[in-house]
């Protein structure tokens, strides 16, 4: 979406529609902290790579106050590239990972 393209451009990152994909995981609260995300993420990377993707960005970023999620993303190779305020006026963190 244009909003993602513009935000990432403001960080000096040009997104490529054919090589960059968005990732927006949703894991039920009762499954968070169980290792489910850590088990699944390598498969997600493998599929993205098979589809010719080179980078993954977080779809809509991650809430800045969600330190648990940010730690998960950093542990799995994501880097923070910038912060923004979403439509609900909540601070979010944009992150990207090379595949």
PDB file of N, CA and C in Angstrom:
ATOM      1  N   UNK A   1       0.821  -1.214   0.000  1.00  0.00           N
ATOM      2  CA  UNK A   1       0.000   0.000   0.000  1.00  0.00           C
ATOM      3  C   UNK A   1       0.854   1.264   0.000  1.00  0.00           C
ATOM      4  N   UNK A   2       0.271   2.314  -0.527  1.00  0.00           N
ATOM      5  CA  UNK A   2       1.000   3.573  -0.669  1.00  0.00           C
ATOM      6  C   UNK A   2       1.527   4.089   0.672  1.00  0.00           C
ATOM      7  N   UNK A   3       0.749   3.910   1.739  1.00  0.00           N
ATOM      8  CA  UNK A   3       1.192   4.376   3.052  1.00  0.00           C
ATOM      9  C   UNK A   3       2.491   3.712   3.485  1.00  0.00           C
ATOM     10  N   UNK A   4       2.593   2.394   3.285  1.00  0.00           N
ATOM     11  CA  UNK A   4       3.829   1.673   3.627  1.00  0.00           C
ATOM     12  C   UNK A   4       4.987   2.175   2.763  1.00  0.00           C
ATOM     13  N   UNK A   5       4.727   2.302   1.476  1.00  0.00           N
ATOM     14  CA  UNK A   5       5.766   2.754   0.549  1.00  0.00           C
ATOM     15  C   UNK A   5       6.280   4.128   0.976  1.00  0.00           C
ATOM     16  N   UNK A   6       5.374   5.037   1.295  1.00  0.00           N
ATOM     17  CA  UNK A   6       5.772   6.391   1.687  1.00  0.00           C
ATOM     18  C   UNK A   6       6.524   6.407   3.015  1.00  0.00           C
ATOM     19  N   UNK A   7       6.036   5.638   3.992  1.00  0.00           N
ATOM     20  CA  UNK A   7       6.719   5.598   5.289  1.00  0.00           C
ATOM     21  C   UNK A   7       8.130   5.058   5.142  1.00  0.00           C
ATOM     22  N   UNK A   8       8.271   3.944   4.464  1.00  0.00           N
ATOM     23  CA  UNK A   8       9.591   3.340   4.320  1.00  0.00           C
ATOM     24  C   UNK A   8      10.505   4.238   3.485  1.00  0.00           C
ATOM     25  N   UNK A   9       9.948   4.920   2.510  1.00  0.00           N
ATOM     26  CA  UNK A   9      10.725   5.877   1.726  1.00  0.00           C
ATOM     27  C   UNK A   9      11.265   6.990   2.623  1.00  0.00           C
ATOM     28  N   UNK A  10      10.463   7.415   3.604  1.00  0.00           N
ATOM     29  CA  UNK A  10      10.914   8.470   4.514  1.00  0.00           C
ATOM     30  C   UNK A  10      12.076   7.996   5.393  1.00  0.00           C
ATOM     31  N   UNK A  11      12.250   6.682   5.522  1.00  0.00           N
ATOM     32  CA  UNK A  11      13.381   6.121   6.271  1.00  0.00           C
ATOM     33  C   UNK A  11      14.579   5.856   5.348  1.00  0.00           C
ATOM     34  N   UNK A  12      14.424   6.162   4.058  1.00  0.00           N
ATOM     35  CA  UNK A  12      15.489   5.907   3.094  1.00  0.00           C
ATOM     36  C   UNK A  12      15.469   4.504   2.527  1.00  0.00           C
ATOM     37  N   UNK A  13      14.332   3.816   2.652  1.00  0.00           N
ATOM     38  CA  UNK A  13      14.204   2.439   2.153  1.00  0.00           C
ATOM     39  C   UNK A  13      13.183   2.418   1.034  1.00  0.00           C
ATOM     40  N   UNK A  14      13.620   2.012  -0.153  1.00  0.00           N
ATOM     41  CA  UNK A  14      12.710   1.897  -1.285  1.00  0.00           C
ATOM     42  C   UNK A  14      12.190   0.459  -1.335  1.00  0.00           C
ATOM     43  N   UNK A  15      10.881   0.310  -1.170  1.00  0.00           N
ATOM     44  CA  UNK A  15      10.273  -1.019  -1.238  1.00  0.00           C
ATOM     45  C   UNK A  15      10.094  -1.445  -2.688  1.00  0.00           C
ATOM     46  N   UNK A  16      10.256  -2.730  -2.933  1.00  0.00           N
ATOM     47  CA  UNK A  16      10.118  -3.303  -4.257  1.00  0.00           C
ATOM     48  C   UNK A  16       8.930  -4.260  -4.226  1.00  0.00           C
ATOM     49  N   UNK A  17       7.887  -3.940  -4.962  1.00  0.00           N
ATOM     50  CA  UNK A  17       6.656  -4.733  -4.943  1.00  0.00           C
ATOM     51  C   UNK A  17       6.902  -6.198  -5.284  1.00  0.00           C
ATOM     52  N   UNK A  18       7.875  -6.491  -6.112  1.00  0.00           N
ATOM     53  CA  UNK A  18       8.129  -7.873  -6.510  1.00  0.00           C
ATOM     54  C   UNK A  18       9.055  -8.638  -5.585  1.00  0.00           C
ATOM     55  N   UNK A  19       9.770  -7.936  -4.711  1.00  0.00           N
ATOM     56  CA  UNK A  19      10.783  -8.588  -3.869  1.00  0.00           C
ATOM     57  C   UNK A  19      10.558  -8.404  -2.371  1.00  0.00           C
ATOM     58  N   UNK A  20       9.651  -7.510  -1.998  1.00  0.00           N
ATOM     59  CA  UNK A  20       9.363  -7.266  -0.589  1.00  0.00           C
ATOM     60  C   UNK A  20       7.944  -7.720  -0.274  1.00  0.00           C
ATOM     61  N   UNK A  21       7.784  -8.371   0.871  1.00  0.00           N
ATOM     62  CA  UNK A  21       6.455  -8.819   1.274  1.00  0.00           C
ATOM     63  C   UNK A  21       6.139  -8.305   2.674  1.00  0.00           C
ATOM     64  N   UNK A  22       4.856  -8.314   3.005  1.00  0.00           N
ATOM     65  CA  UNK A  22       4.400  -7.871   4.322  1.00  0.00           C
ATOM     66  C   UNK A  22       4.018  -9.082   5.155  1.00  0.00           C
ATOM     67  N   UNK A  23       4.278  -8.965   6.432  1.00  0.00           N
ATOM     68  CA  UNK A  23       4.023 -10.047   7.380  1.00  0.00           C
ATOM     69  C   UNK A  23       3.177  -9.476   8.502  1.00  0.00           C
ATOM     70  N   UNK A  24       2.043 -10.086   8.771  1.00  0.00           N
ATOM     71  CA  UNK A  24       1.139  -9.615   9.818  1.00  0.00           C
ATOM     72  C   UNK A  24       0.618 -10.766  10.647  1.00  0.00           C
ATOM     73  N   UNK A  25       1.485 -11.326  11.503  1.00  0.00           N
ATOM     74  CA  UNK A  25       1.052 -12.492  12.273  1.00  0.00           C
ATOM     75  C   UNK A  25       0.034 -12.133  13.351  1.00  0.00           C
ATOM     76  N   UNK A  26      -0.856 -13.047  13.598  1.00  0.00           N
ATOM     77  CA  UNK A  26      -1.829 -12.926  14.689  1.00  0.00           C
ATOM     78  C   UNK A  26      -1.859 -14.268  15.406  1.00  0.00           C
ATOM     79  N   UNK A  27      -1.406 -14.268  16.628  1.00  0.00           N
ATOM     80  CA  UNK A  27      -1.388 -15.491  17.431  1.00  0.00           C
ATOM     81  C   UNK A  27      -2.275 -15.260  18.643  1.00  0.00           C
ATOM     82  N   UNK A  28      -3.216 -16.161  18.859  1.00  0.00           N
ATOM     83  CA  UNK A  28      -4.100 -16.042  20.011  1.00  0.00           C
ATOM     84  C   UNK A  28      -3.299 -15.859  21.290  1.00  0.00           C
ATOM     85  N   UNK A  29      -3.831 -15.059  22.181  1.00  0.00           N
ATOM     86  CA  UNK A  29      -3.149 -14.791  23.449  1.00  0.00           C
ATOM     87  C   UNK A  29      -2.720 -16.072  24.153  1.00  0.00           C
ATOM     88  N   UNK A  30      -3.584 -17.072  24.157  1.00  0.00           N
ATOM     89  CA  UNK A  30      -3.255 -18.289  24.896  1.00  0.00           C
ATOM     90  C   UNK A  30      -2.085 -19.071  24.286  1.00  0.00           C
ATOM     91  N   UNK A  31      -1.735 -18.764  23.032  1.00  0.00           N
ATOM     92  CA  UNK A  31      -0.608 -19.435  22.395  1.00  0.00           C
ATOM     93  C   UNK A  31       0.658 -18.585  22.399  1.00  0.00           C
ATOM     94  N   UNK A  32       0.556 -17.322  22.814  1.00  0.00           N
ATOM     95  CA  UNK A  32       1.738 -16.473  22.883  1.00  0.00           C
ATOM     96  C   UNK A  32       2.632 -16.944  24.016  1.00  0.00           C
ATOM     97  N   UNK A  33       3.924 -16.913  23.765  1.00  0.00           N
ATOM     98  CA  UNK A  33       4.882 -17.349  24.775  1.00  0.00           C
ATOM     99  C   UNK A  33       5.068 -18.857  24.848  1.00  0.00           C
ATOM    100  N   UNK A  34       4.429 -19.581  23.948  1.00  0.00           N
ATOM    101  CA  UNK A  34       4.547 -21.046  23.953  1.00  0.00           C
ATOM    102  C   UNK A  34       5.634 -21.549  22.996  1.00  0.00           C
ATOM    103  N   UNK A  35       6.196 -20.637  22.193  1.00  0.00           N
ATOM    104  CA  UNK A  35       7.187 -21.039  21.206  1.00  0.00           C
ATOM    105  C   UNK A  35       6.591 -21.281  19.836  1.00  0.00           C
ATOM    106  N   UNK A  36       5.275 -21.160  19.717  1.00  0.00           N
ATOM    107  CA  UNK A  36       4.598 -21.408  18.438  1.00  0.00           C
ATOM    108  C   UNK A  36       5.156 -20.510  17.330  1.00  0.00           C
ATOM    109  N   UNK A  37       5.293 -19.219  17.604  1.00  0.00           N
ATOM    110  CA  UNK A  37       5.807 -18.286  16.596  1.00  0.00           C
ATOM    111  C   UNK A  37       7.225 -18.629  16.178  1.00  0.00           C
ATOM    112  N   UNK A  38       8.044 -19.014  17.140  1.00  0.00           N
ATOM    113  CA  UNK A  38       9.433 -19.366  16.846  1.00  0.00           C
ATOM    114  C   UNK A  38       9.535 -20.642  16.013  1.00  0.00           C
ATOM    115  N   UNK A  39       8.600 -21.563  16.215  1.00  0.00           N
ATOM    116  CA  UNK A  39       8.581 -22.791  15.420  1.00  0.00           C
ATOM    117  C   UNK A  39       8.112 -22.495  13.995  1.00  0.00           C
ATOM    118  N   UNK A  40       7.113 -21.631  13.855  1.00  0.00           N
ATOM    119  CA  UNK A  40       6.525 -21.349  12.541  1.00  0.00           C
ATOM    120  C   UNK A  40       7.367 -20.414  11.677  1.00  0.00           C
ATOM    121  N   UNK A  41       8.095 -19.490  12.304  1.00  0.00           N
ATOM    122  CA  UNK A  41       8.767 -18.457  11.529  1.00  0.00           C
ATOM    123  C   UNK A  41       9.748 -18.996  10.483  1.00  0.00           C
ATOM    124  N   UNK A  42      10.573 -20.000  10.765  1.00  0.00           N
ATOM    125  CA  UNK A  42      11.453 -20.531   9.720  1.00  0.00           C
ATOM    126  C   UNK A  42      10.691 -21.027   8.480  1.00  0.00           C
ATOM    127  N   UNK A  43       9.508 -21.587   8.688  1.00  0.00           N
ATOM    128  CA  UNK A  43       8.684 -22.037   7.552  1.00  0.00           C
ATOM    129  C   UNK A  43       8.181 -20.843   6.747  1.00  0.00           C
ATOM    130  N   UNK A  44       7.823 -19.781   7.440  1.00  0.00           N
ATOM    131  CA  UNK A  44       7.375 -18.556   6.757  1.00  0.00           C
ATOM    132  C   UNK A  44       8.510 -18.000   5.910  1.00  0.00           C
ATOM    133  N   UNK A  45       9.717 -17.968   6.464  1.00  0.00           N
ATOM    134  CA  UNK A  45      10.881 -17.502   5.700  1.00  0.00           C
ATOM    135  C   UNK A  45      11.122 -18.368   4.473  1.00  0.00           C
ATOM    136  N   UNK A  46      11.032 -19.677   4.647  1.00  0.00           N
ATOM    137  CA  UNK A  46      11.268 -20.608   3.542  1.00  0.00           C
ATOM    138  C   UNK A  46      10.258 -20.375   2.414  1.00  0.00           C
ATOM    139  N   UNK A  47       9.004 -20.217   2.767  1.00  0.00           N
ATOM    140  CA  UNK A  47       7.964 -19.984   1.762  1.00  0.00           C
ATOM    141  C   UNK A  47       8.183 -18.652   1.051  1.00  0.00           C
ATOM    142  N   UNK A  48       8.493 -17.614   1.828  1.00  0.00           N
ATOM    143  CA  UNK A  48       8.736 -16.295   1.224  1.00  0.00           C
ATOM    144  C   UNK A  48       9.908 -16.367   0.246  1.00  0.00           C
ATOM    145  N   UNK A  49      10.962 -17.064   0.635  1.00  0.00           N
ATOM    146  CA  UNK A  49      12.124 -17.206  -0.239  1.00  0.00           C
ATOM    147  C   UNK A  49      11.765 -17.981  -1.505  1.00  0.00           C
ATOM    148  N   UNK A  50      10.988 -19.052  -1.368  1.00  0.00           N
ATOM    149  CA  UNK A  50      10.564 -19.835  -2.527  1.00  0.00           C
ATOM    150  C   UNK A  50       9.723 -18.992  -3.487  1.00  0.00           C
ATOM    151  N   UNK A  51       9.039 -18.004  -2.947  1.00  0.00           N
ATOM    152  CA  UNK A  51       8.214 -17.113  -3.774  1.00  0.00           C
ATOM    153  C   UNK A  51       9.011 -15.934  -4.339  1.00  0.00           C
ATOM    154  N   UNK A  52      10.324 -15.935  -4.120  1.00  0.00           N
ATOM    155  CA  UNK A  52      11.194 -14.924  -4.696  1.00  0.00           C
ATOM    156  C   UNK A  52      11.284 -13.632  -3.899  1.00  0.00           C
ATOM    157  N   UNK A  53      10.841 -13.665  -2.666  1.00  0.00           N
ATOM    158  CA  UNK A  53      10.897 -12.465  -1.840  1.00  0.00           C
ATOM    159  C   UNK A  53      12.292 -12.313  -1.242  1.00  0.00           C
ATOM    160  N   UNK A  54      12.704 -11.059  -1.017  1.00  0.00           N
ATOM    161  CA  UNK A  54      14.029 -10.781  -0.472  1.00  0.00           C
ATOM    162  C   UNK A  54      13.983 -10.112   0.897  1.00  0.00           C
ATOM    163  N   UNK A  55      12.856  -9.444   1.186  1.00  0.00           N
ATOM    164  CA  UNK A  55      12.723  -8.779   2.489  1.00  0.00           C
ATOM    165  C   UNK A  55      11.288  -8.900   2.980  1.00  0.00           C
ATOM    166  N   UNK A  56      11.145  -8.818   4.305  1.00  0.00           N
ATOM    167  CA  UNK A  56       9.820  -8.835   4.928  1.00  0.00           C
ATOM    168  C   UNK A  56       9.689  -7.579   5.770  1.00  0.00           C
ATOM    169  N   UNK A  57       8.549  -6.897   5.626  1.00  0.00           N
ATOM    170  CA  UNK A  57       8.235  -5.787   6.522  1.00  0.00           C
ATOM    171  C   UNK A  57       7.024  -6.188   7.356  1.00  0.00           C
ATOM    172  N   UNK A  58       6.907  -5.579   8.527  1.00  0.00           N
ATOM    173  CA  UNK A  58       5.745  -5.857   9.369  1.00  0.00           C
ATOM    174  C   UNK A  58       4.559  -5.067   8.858  1.00  0.00           C
ATOM    175  N   UNK A  59       3.464  -5.735   8.653  1.00  0.00           N
ATOM    176  CA  UNK A  59       2.242  -5.129   8.150  1.00  0.00           C
ATOM    177  C   UNK A  59       1.672  -4.209   9.226  1.00  0.00           C
ATOM    178  N   UNK A  60       1.753  -2.911   8.986  1.00  0.00           N
ATOM    179  CA  UNK A  60       1.258  -1.924   9.950  1.00  0.00           C
ATOM    180  C   UNK A  60       2.174  -1.728  11.137  1.00  0.00           C
ATOM    181  N   UNK A  61       3.373  -2.280  11.077  1.00  0.00           N
ATOM    182  CA  UNK A  61       4.309  -2.150  12.188  1.00  0.00           C
ATOM    183  C   UNK A  61       3.840  -2.932  13.397  1.00  0.00           C
ATOM    184  N   UNK A  62       4.452  -2.642  14.527  1.00  0.00           N
ATOM    185  CA  UNK A  62       4.102  -3.277  15.799  1.00  0.00           C
ATOM    186  C   UNK A  62       3.920  -2.140  16.804  1.00  0.00           C
ATOM    187  N   UNK A  63       2.950  -2.277  17.696  1.00  0.00           N
ATOM    188  CA  UNK A  63       2.744  -1.242  18.711  1.00  0.00           C
ATOM    189  C   UNK A  63       4.048  -1.034  19.485  1.00  0.00           C
ATOM    190  N   UNK A  64       4.440   0.214  19.648  1.00  0.00           N
ATOM    191  CA  UNK A  64       5.701   0.543  20.320  1.00  0.00           C
ATOM    192  C   UNK A  64       5.740   0.053  21.760  1.00  0.00           C
ATOM    193  N   UNK A  65       4.583  -0.083  22.398  1.00  0.00           N
ATOM    194  CA  UNK A  65       4.569  -0.544  23.790  1.00  0.00           C
ATOM    195  C   UNK A  65       4.494  -2.069  23.907  1.00  0.00           C
ATOM    196  N   UNK A  66       4.518  -2.767  22.780  1.00  0.00           N
ATOM    197  CA  UNK A  66       4.462  -4.235  22.794  1.00  0.00           C
ATOM    198  C   UNK A  66       5.892  -4.790  22.783  1.00  0.00           C
ATOM    199  N   UNK A  67       6.566  -4.643  23.911  1.00  0.00           N
ATOM    200  CA  UNK A  67       7.967  -5.053  24.006  1.00  0.00           C
ATOM    201  C   UNK A  67       8.173  -6.552  23.770  1.00  0.00           C
ATOM    202  N   UNK A  68       7.198  -7.333  24.131  1.00  0.00           N
ATOM    203  CA  UNK A  68       7.300  -8.786  23.910  1.00  0.00           C
ATOM    204  C   UNK A  68       7.372  -9.102  22.414  1.00  0.00           C
ATOM    205  N   UNK A  69       6.512  -8.470  21.634  1.00  0.00           N
ATOM    206  CA  UNK A  69       6.525  -8.695  20.188  1.00  0.00           C
ATOM    207  C   UNK A  69       7.798  -8.136  19.562  1.00  0.00           C
ATOM    208  N   UNK A  70       8.208  -6.949  19.997  1.00  0.00           N
ATOM    209  CA  UNK A  70       9.432  -6.358  19.450  1.00  0.00           C
ATOM    210  C   UNK A  70      10.621  -7.274  19.719  1.00  0.00           C
ATOM    211  N   UNK A  71      10.686  -7.830  20.916  1.00  0.00           N
ATOM    212  CA  UNK A  71      11.772  -8.763  21.245  1.00  0.00           C
ATOM    213  C   UNK A  71      11.728  -9.985  20.326  1.00  0.00           C
ATOM    214  N   UNK A  72      10.525 -10.510  20.066  1.00  0.00           N
ATOM    215  CA  UNK A  72      10.386 -11.649  19.155  1.00  0.00           C
ATOM    216  C   UNK A  72      10.939 -11.295  17.776  1.00  0.00           C
ATOM    217  N   UNK A  73      10.536 -10.125  17.254  1.00  0.00           N
ATOM    218  CA  UNK A  73      10.984  -9.739  15.911  1.00  0.00           C
ATOM    219  C   UNK A  73      12.493  -9.538  15.863  1.00  0.00           C
ATOM    220  N   UNK A  74      13.057  -8.866  16.855  1.00  0.00           N
ATOM    221  CA  UNK A  74      14.506  -8.644  16.883  1.00  0.00           C
ATOM    222  C   UNK A  74      15.227  -9.990  16.965  1.00  0.00           C
ATOM    223  N   UNK A  75      14.756 -10.879  17.816  1.00  0.00           N
ATOM    224  CA  UNK A  75      15.349 -12.214  17.948  1.00  0.00           C
ATOM    225  C   UNK A  75      15.321 -12.953  16.609  1.00  0.00           C
ATOM    226  N   UNK A  76      14.306 -12.672  15.796  1.00  0.00           N
ATOM    227  CA  UNK A  76      14.158 -13.338  14.499  1.00  0.00           C
ATOM    228  C   UNK A  76      14.678 -12.509  13.335  1.00  0.00           C
ATOM    229  N   UNK A  77      15.572 -11.564  13.626  1.00  0.00           N
ATOM    230  CA  UNK A  77      16.314 -10.884  12.569  1.00  0.00           C
ATOM    231  C   UNK A  77      15.742  -9.587  12.044  1.00  0.00           C
ATOM    232  N   UNK A  78      14.651  -9.101  12.612  1.00  0.00           N
ATOM    233  CA  UNK A  78      14.091  -7.826  12.159  1.00  0.00           C
ATOM    234  C   UNK A  78      14.870  -6.670  12.770  1.00  0.00           C
ATOM    235  N   UNK A  79      14.944  -5.572  12.033  1.00  0.00           N
ATOM    236  CA  UNK A  79      15.587  -4.342  12.490  1.00  0.00           C
ATOM    237  C   UNK A  79      14.556  -3.221  12.488  1.00  0.00           C
ATOM    238  N   UNK A  80      14.597  -2.404  13.530  1.00  0.00           N
ATOM    239  CA  UNK A  80      13.731  -1.225  13.563  1.00  0.00           C
ATOM    240  C   UNK A  80      14.261  -0.206  12.564  1.00  0.00           C
ATOM    241  N   UNK A  81      13.338   0.349  11.748  1.00  0.00           N
ATOM    242  CA  UNK A  81      13.746   1.352  10.762  1.00  0.00           C
ATOM    243  C   UNK A  81      13.080   2.700  10.988  1.00  0.00           C
ATOM    244  N   UNK A  82      12.029   2.738  11.796  1.00  0.00           N
ATOM    245  CA  UNK A  82      11.366   4.002  12.069  1.00  0.00           C
ATOM    246  C   UNK A  82      10.128   3.817  12.910  1.00  0.00           C
ATOM    247  N   UNK A  83       9.568   4.957  13.307  1.00  0.00           N
ATOM    248  CA  UNK A  83       8.344   4.962  14.111  1.00  0.00           C
ATOM    249  C   UNK A  83       7.336   5.894  13.483  1.00  0.00           C
ATOM    250  N   UNK A  84       6.070   5.585  13.709  1.00  0.00           N
ATOM    251  CA  UNK A  84       4.990   6.402  13.163  1.00  0.00           C
ATOM    252  C   UNK A  84       3.772   6.278  14.066  1.00  0.00           C
ATOM    253  N   UNK A  85       2.825   7.160  13.858  1.00  0.00           N
ATOM    254  CA  UNK A  85       1.562   7.116  14.590  1.00  0.00           C
ATOM    255  C   UNK A  85       0.499   6.590  13.642  1.00  0.00           C
ATOM    256  N   UNK A  86      -0.218   5.533  14.063  1.00  0.00           N
ATOM    257  CA  UNK A  86      -1.241   4.956  13.191  1.00  0.00           C
ATOM    258  C   UNK A  86      -2.514   5.805  13.209  1.00  0.00           C
ATOM    259  N   UNK A  87      -3.526   5.359  12.492  1.00  0.00           N
ATOM    260  CA  UNK A  87      -4.780   6.116  12.390  1.00  0.00           C
ATOM    261  C   UNK A  87      -5.467   6.307  13.737  1.00  0.00           C
ATOM    262  N   UNK A  88      -5.188   5.406  14.684  1.00  0.00           N
ATOM    263  CA  UNK A  88      -5.782   5.510  16.025  1.00  0.00           C
ATOM    264  C   UNK A  88      -4.899   6.307  16.976  1.00  0.00           C
ATOM    265  N   UNK A  89      -3.878   6.963  16.421  1.00  0.00           N
ATOM    266  CA  UNK A  89      -2.944   7.788  17.206  1.00  0.00           C
ATOM    267  C   UNK A  89      -2.087   6.973  18.176  1.00  0.00           C
ATOM    268  N   UNK A  90      -1.802   5.721  17.809  1.00  0.00           N
ATOM    269  CA  UNK A  90      -0.959   4.846  18.612  1.00  0.00           C
ATOM    270  C   UNK A  90       0.421   4.787  17.951  1.00  0.00           C
ATOM    271  N   UNK A  91       1.474   4.947  18.758  1.00  0.00           N
ATOM    272  CA  UNK A  91       2.828   4.888  18.211  1.00  0.00           C
ATOM    273  C   UNK A  91       3.155   3.445  17.820  1.00  0.00           C
ATOM    274  N   UNK A  92       3.689   3.286  16.606  1.00  0.00           N
ATOM    275  CA  UNK A  92       4.054   1.979  16.070  1.00  0.00           C
ATOM    276  C   UNK A  92       5.495   2.006  15.586  1.00  0.00           C
ATOM    277  N   UNK A  93       6.087   0.826  15.508  1.00  0.00           N
ATOM    278  CA  UNK A  93       7.451   0.665  15.064  1.00  0.00           C
ATOM    279  C   UNK A  93       7.449  -0.104  13.750  1.00  0.00           C
ATOM    280  N   UNK A  94       8.090   0.467  12.725  1.00  0.00           N
ATOM    281  CA  UNK A  94       8.270  -0.242  11.469  1.00  0.00           C
ATOM    282  C   UNK A  94       9.558  -1.040  11.567  1.00  0.00           C
ATOM    283  N   UNK A  95       9.476  -2.291  11.103  1.00  0.00           N
ATOM    284  CA  UNK A  95      10.646  -3.179  11.130  1.00  0.00           C
ATOM    285  C   UNK A  95      10.760  -3.905   9.795  1.00  0.00           C
ATOM    286  N   UNK A  96      11.989  -4.308   9.475  1.00  0.00           N
ATOM    287  CA  UNK A  96      12.260  -5.010   8.218  1.00  0.00           C
ATOM    288  C   UNK A  96      13.282  -6.112   8.474  1.00  0.00           C
ATOM    289  N   UNK A  97      13.192  -7.149   7.650  1.00  0.00           N
ATOM    290  CA  UNK A  97      14.153  -8.264   7.760  1.00  0.00           C
ATOM    291  C   UNK A  97      14.514  -8.742   6.373  1.00  0.00           C
ATOM    292  N   UNK A  98      15.821  -8.943   6.146  1.00  0.00           N
ATOM    293  CA  UNK A  98      16.266  -9.572   4.914  1.00  0.00           C
ATOM    294  C   UNK A  98      16.005 -11.069   5.016  1.00  0.00           C
ATOM    295  N   UNK A  99      15.706 -11.677   3.872  1.00  0.00           N
ATOM    296  CA  UNK A  99      15.459 -13.119   3.851  1.00  0.00           C
ATOM    297  C   UNK A  99      16.733 -13.834   3.431  1.00  0.00           C
TER     298      UNK A  99
END
